[in-house]
Protein backbone atom coordinates (compact mmCIF):
# COMPACT_ATOMS: atom_id res chain seq x y z
CA MET A 1 14.87 7.15 -3.92
CA ARG A 2 17.47 9.10 -5.87
CA ILE A 3 17.19 12.80 -6.65
CA ASN A 4 19.46 14.40 -9.25
CA ILE A 5 19.72 18.17 -9.62
CA LEU A 6 21.26 19.90 -12.64
CA THR A 7 22.27 23.43 -11.71
CA LEU A 8 24.68 26.26 -12.38
CA PHE A 9 25.12 26.70 -8.63
CA PRO A 10 25.87 23.40 -6.85
CA GLU A 11 26.89 25.27 -3.70
CA PHE A 12 23.29 26.45 -3.30
CA PHE A 13 22.39 22.97 -2.02
CA THR A 14 25.29 22.40 0.38
CA SER A 15 23.68 23.59 3.61
CA PRO A 16 20.01 22.58 3.03
CA LEU A 17 20.93 18.98 2.21
CA LYS A 18 22.93 18.72 5.45
CA THR A 19 20.09 19.91 7.65
CA SER A 20 17.07 18.43 9.45
CA MET A 21 15.01 15.77 7.66
CA MET A 22 17.03 15.98 4.46
CA LEU A 23 20.11 14.92 6.38
CA LYS A 24 18.22 12.21 8.29
CA ALA A 25 16.81 10.80 5.05
CA GLN A 26 20.32 10.41 3.67
CA LYS A 27 21.64 8.87 6.90
CA ILE A 28 18.98 6.17 6.87
CA LYS A 29 19.61 5.67 3.13
CA ALA A 30 16.05 6.65 2.20
CA VAL A 31 17.34 9.06 -0.43
CA ASP A 32 20.53 9.76 -2.34
CA PHE A 33 21.22 13.18 -3.83
CA LYS A 34 23.51 13.80 -6.78
CA ILE A 35 24.23 17.36 -7.86
CA TYR A 36 25.37 17.95 -11.44
CA SER A 37 27.05 21.23 -12.33
CA LEU A 38 25.88 22.55 -15.68
CA ARG A 39 29.21 24.36 -15.98
CA ASP A 40 30.96 20.97 -16.30
CA PHE A 41 29.27 20.59 -19.68
CA GLY A 42 30.01 24.13 -20.87
CA LEU A 43 31.76 25.03 -24.10
CA GLY A 44 35.38 26.08 -24.54
CA ILE A 45 37.92 27.30 -22.02
CA ARG A 46 35.35 29.53 -20.29
CA LYS A 47 32.80 26.70 -20.04
CA GLN A 48 30.11 28.81 -21.68
CA VAL A 49 26.55 27.68 -20.91
CA ASP A 50 24.48 30.61 -22.22
CA ASP A 51 24.30 33.07 -25.10
CA ARG A 52 22.39 36.14 -26.32
CA PRO A 53 18.82 35.47 -27.47
CA TYR A 54 18.00 35.44 -31.18
CA GLY A 55 15.77 38.37 -32.03
CA GLY A 56 17.31 40.53 -29.32
CA GLY A 57 16.17 41.21 -25.80
CA ALA A 58 17.53 41.49 -22.30
CA GLY A 59 19.56 38.83 -20.53
CA MET A 60 21.20 35.59 -21.52
CA VAL A 61 19.60 32.26 -22.44
CA LEU A 62 20.81 28.77 -21.51
CA ARG A 63 22.01 26.87 -24.58
CA VAL A 64 20.23 23.72 -25.73
CA ASP A 65 23.45 21.95 -26.76
CA VAL A 66 24.95 22.36 -23.30
CA ALA A 67 21.76 21.18 -21.60
CA ALA A 68 21.61 18.21 -23.99
CA LYS A 69 25.11 17.08 -23.03
CA ALA A 70 24.27 17.29 -19.34
CA ILE A 71 20.94 15.49 -19.65
CA THR A 72 22.51 12.76 -21.78
CA GLN A 73 25.06 12.17 -19.03
CA ILE A 74 22.38 12.03 -16.35
CA ARG A 75 20.34 9.51 -18.35
CA SER A 76 23.49 7.44 -18.85
CA ASP A 77 24.22 7.45 -15.10
CA ASP A 78 20.58 6.89 -14.11
CA PRO A 79 18.56 5.40 -17.02
CA LYS A 80 15.25 5.14 -15.11
CA THR A 81 15.16 8.71 -13.85
CA LYS A 82 12.24 11.01 -14.69
CA ILE A 83 13.51 14.45 -15.67
CA PHE A 84 11.51 17.58 -14.88
CA LEU A 85 12.25 21.10 -16.03
CA LEU A 86 11.55 23.75 -13.39
CA THR A 87 9.65 26.51 -15.18
CA PRO A 88 6.71 28.88 -14.53
CA LYS A 89 5.01 27.26 -17.53
CA GLY A 90 4.90 23.87 -15.84
CA GLY A 91 2.00 22.37 -13.91
CA VAL A 92 1.86 23.63 -10.32
CA PHE A 93 3.31 21.21 -7.79
CA SER A 94 0.94 20.05 -5.05
CA GLN A 95 0.74 17.68 -2.08
CA LYS A 96 -1.12 15.25 -4.33
CA LYS A 97 1.84 15.23 -6.72
CA ALA A 98 4.24 14.81 -3.81
CA PHE A 99 2.46 11.59 -2.77
CA LYS A 100 2.24 10.39 -6.36
CA TRP A 101 5.87 11.02 -7.25
CA GLN A 102 7.17 9.56 -4.01
CA SER A 103 5.28 6.30 -4.62
CA LYS A 104 5.70 6.15 -8.40
CA TYR A 105 9.28 7.20 -9.13
CA ARG A 106 12.49 5.70 -7.81
CA SER A 107 14.54 8.52 -9.32
CA ILE A 108 13.72 12.12 -10.20
CA THR A 109 15.92 14.74 -11.86
CA PHE A 110 15.31 18.49 -11.66
CA VAL A 111 16.76 20.83 -14.28
CA CYS A 112 17.21 24.31 -12.84
CA GLY A 113 17.00 27.22 -15.23
CA HIS A 114 18.71 30.56 -14.60
CA TYR A 115 19.45 33.94 -16.15
CA GLU A 116 16.76 35.16 -18.59
CA GLY A 117 15.58 31.64 -19.33
CA PHE A 118 16.46 28.66 -21.47
CA ASP A 119 16.33 27.71 -25.13
CA GLU A 120 12.82 26.48 -25.95
CA ARG A 121 14.24 23.28 -27.44
CA ILE A 122 15.35 22.13 -23.99
CA ARG A 123 11.70 21.25 -23.35
CA SER A 124 12.02 18.37 -25.82
CA LEU A 125 14.79 16.82 -23.73
CA VAL A 126 12.81 16.31 -20.52
CA ASP A 127 9.85 14.17 -19.38
CA GLY A 128 7.82 16.97 -17.85
CA GLU A 129 7.68 20.52 -16.53
CA VAL A 130 6.78 21.73 -13.05
CA SER A 131 6.31 25.02 -11.21
CA ILE A 132 5.87 25.82 -7.51
CA GLY A 133 3.62 28.82 -8.05
CA ASN A 134 2.67 31.82 -10.11
CA TYR A 135 5.74 33.94 -9.42
CA ILE A 136 9.29 34.24 -10.73
CA LEU A 137 12.50 33.23 -8.96
CA THR A 138 16.09 34.06 -9.92
CA GLY A 139 16.56 30.39 -10.77
CA GLY A 140 15.11 26.92 -10.35
CA GLU A 141 17.26 26.04 -7.34
CA PRO A 142 14.82 27.14 -4.59
CA ALA A 143 12.01 25.34 -6.39
CA ALA A 144 14.07 22.15 -6.62
CA LEU A 145 14.64 22.25 -2.87
CA VAL A 146 10.95 22.86 -2.14
CA ILE A 147 9.82 19.91 -4.24
CA ALA A 148 12.59 17.61 -2.99
CA ASP A 149 11.70 18.41 0.63
CA ALA A 150 7.99 17.77 0.04
CA ILE A 151 8.73 14.38 -1.52
CA VAL A 152 11.52 13.17 0.75
CA ARG A 153 9.58 13.73 3.98
CA LEU A 154 6.91 11.30 2.68
CA ILE A 155 9.37 8.41 2.30
CA PRO A 156 8.57 5.83 5.02
CA GLY A 157 10.92 6.18 7.98
CA VAL A 158 11.96 9.77 7.37
CA LEU A 159 9.47 11.47 9.71
CA GLY A 160 9.54 8.65 12.24
CA ASP A 161 5.74 8.33 12.32
CA ASP A 162 4.43 7.24 8.93
CA GLU A 163 0.91 8.35 9.90
CA SER A 164 1.98 11.99 10.28
CA PRO A 165 1.60 13.00 6.61
CA LYS A 166 -2.02 11.81 6.59
CA GLU A 167 -3.00 14.43 9.19
CA GLU A 168 -1.39 17.41 7.46
CA SER A 169 -2.71 20.26 5.38
CA PHE A 170 -3.67 19.24 1.83
CA SER A 171 -3.59 15.55 2.85
CA LEU A 172 -6.42 15.75 5.36
CA ALA A 173 -9.86 14.45 4.40
CA ILE A 174 -13.11 14.24 6.37
CA GLN A 175 -15.64 11.51 5.74
CA ASN A 176 -19.14 11.54 7.17
CA SER A 177 -22.45 9.99 6.20
CA LYS A 178 -23.14 12.61 3.55
CA LEU A 179 -19.88 13.49 1.84
CA LYS A 180 -16.11 13.37 1.79
CA ILE A 181 -14.18 16.64 1.90
CA GLN A 182 -10.57 16.44 0.71
CA ASN A 183 -7.46 18.64 0.58
CA LEU A 184 -8.28 20.46 3.80
CA LEU A 185 -5.92 22.62 5.81
CA GLU A 186 -4.80 21.17 9.10
CA TYR A 187 -6.59 22.00 12.35
CA PRO A 188 -4.88 24.27 14.97
CA HIS A 189 -2.43 22.77 17.46
CA TYR A 190 -1.83 23.76 21.08
CA THR A 191 0.65 22.79 23.79
CA ARG A 192 1.74 24.12 27.21
CA PRO A 193 1.23 26.60 28.77
CA GLU A 194 -2.54 26.13 29.02
CA LYS A 195 -3.00 29.90 29.29
CA PHE A 196 -0.91 32.59 27.61
CA LYS A 197 -1.90 36.21 28.27
CA ASN A 198 -5.58 36.36 27.28
CA GLN A 199 -5.49 33.20 25.14
CA SER A 200 -6.44 29.75 26.46
CA VAL A 201 -6.32 26.27 24.99
CA PRO A 202 -9.81 25.24 23.79
CA LYS A 203 -11.53 23.27 26.55
CA VAL A 204 -12.39 20.36 24.28
CA LEU A 205 -8.68 19.55 23.89
CA LEU A 206 -8.40 19.22 27.67
CA SER A 207 -11.48 17.00 28.00
CA GLY A 208 -9.93 13.64 27.12
CA ASN A 209 -13.00 12.92 24.97
CA HIS A 210 -11.41 11.74 21.73
CA ALA A 211 -14.65 11.64 19.78
CA GLU A 212 -15.40 15.27 20.62
CA ILE A 213 -11.80 16.26 19.92
CA LYS A 214 -12.04 14.72 16.46
CA LYS A 215 -15.30 16.56 15.77
CA TRP A 216 -13.69 19.84 16.82
CA ARG A 217 -10.61 19.21 14.67
CA ASP A 218 -12.73 18.33 11.63
CA LYS A 219 -14.80 21.49 12.12
CA MET A 220 -11.71 23.66 12.47
CA SER A 221 -10.10 22.14 9.35
CA VAL A 222 -13.15 23.05 7.28
CA GLU A 223 -13.25 26.57 8.75
CA GLU A 224 -9.52 27.16 8.18
CA THR A 225 -9.84 25.99 4.56
CA HIS A 226 -12.84 28.24 3.87
CA LYS A 227 -11.07 31.20 5.50
CA ARG A 228 -8.05 30.76 3.26
CA GLN A 229 -10.23 30.50 0.16
CA LYS A 230 -11.96 33.77 1.07
CA ASP A 231 -8.61 35.48 1.69
CA GLU A 232 -7.29 34.30 -1.69
CA ASN A 233 -10.40 35.58 -3.47
CA ARG A 234 -9.86 39.04 -1.94
CA GLU A 235 -6.28 39.34 -3.21
C-alpha cells in the first residue's frame, strides 16, 4: 500500500513514521509513505498558500488554486490513488472503514487542512471526505496519522499475527444460536502477577478450560460495550 499526505507541516510526520509498527511496516515493504509539502505549490516568492476569506471573518483560508496544483501533481505521480479531504464535515472514520480501505485501496492520499479552513471548491478536487470525530483540531495532520495507523496495522504481516485484529474492539463479534452481536469492545486482559494489592486475576482465566474462558470473554465484551454506551448517553 502507498499513503500520500499533503500537508503544510511535513516535519509533523517525521518521528511517528519512524516508530513502532509504522516503521516495521515500511521495513517489510508493506507500506510506502510519501509526504507532499503544500508550500512547494505556493504562489510567488513567499510561496503563499492561503488568503483572507471573502465576506470577512477571522483567520486565513487555504486557496483552491494552490490545492489544485498539489493534487494534480499527486494524481500524476500516483494515478490510482483515492484522495480524501480531512474535515469535520466528512463521514466519521471507523474500524469497519479501516478494514474496507485496507482491502480495497492500494493507494490513499490525505489532504490536511489548516488555519481557519479551506476554500469550499477544494471539495470538488477530492474523492471523499473523512473525519475522526466530532471535535476540532488545529489541522488535519493528527487525523491523517490516526487513520494511517489504523489502516497500516491491518496489512498482513505488520502485526505478526494476522488473527490479532479479529479479536480487537470494534472488530469482535459473538455468534450464538439466537443472534450475532457485532462491533463489540474487547474483553479485559490480565497477566502476571496473579494478585496485585486487592485485585486478583479472574479464576476462569486460570482454569485452562478454553470453552469457559471463551464464554467469560464473550460476556465481558458485551458488558464492556453496554457500559460504554451508557457512559456516552450520560455525557
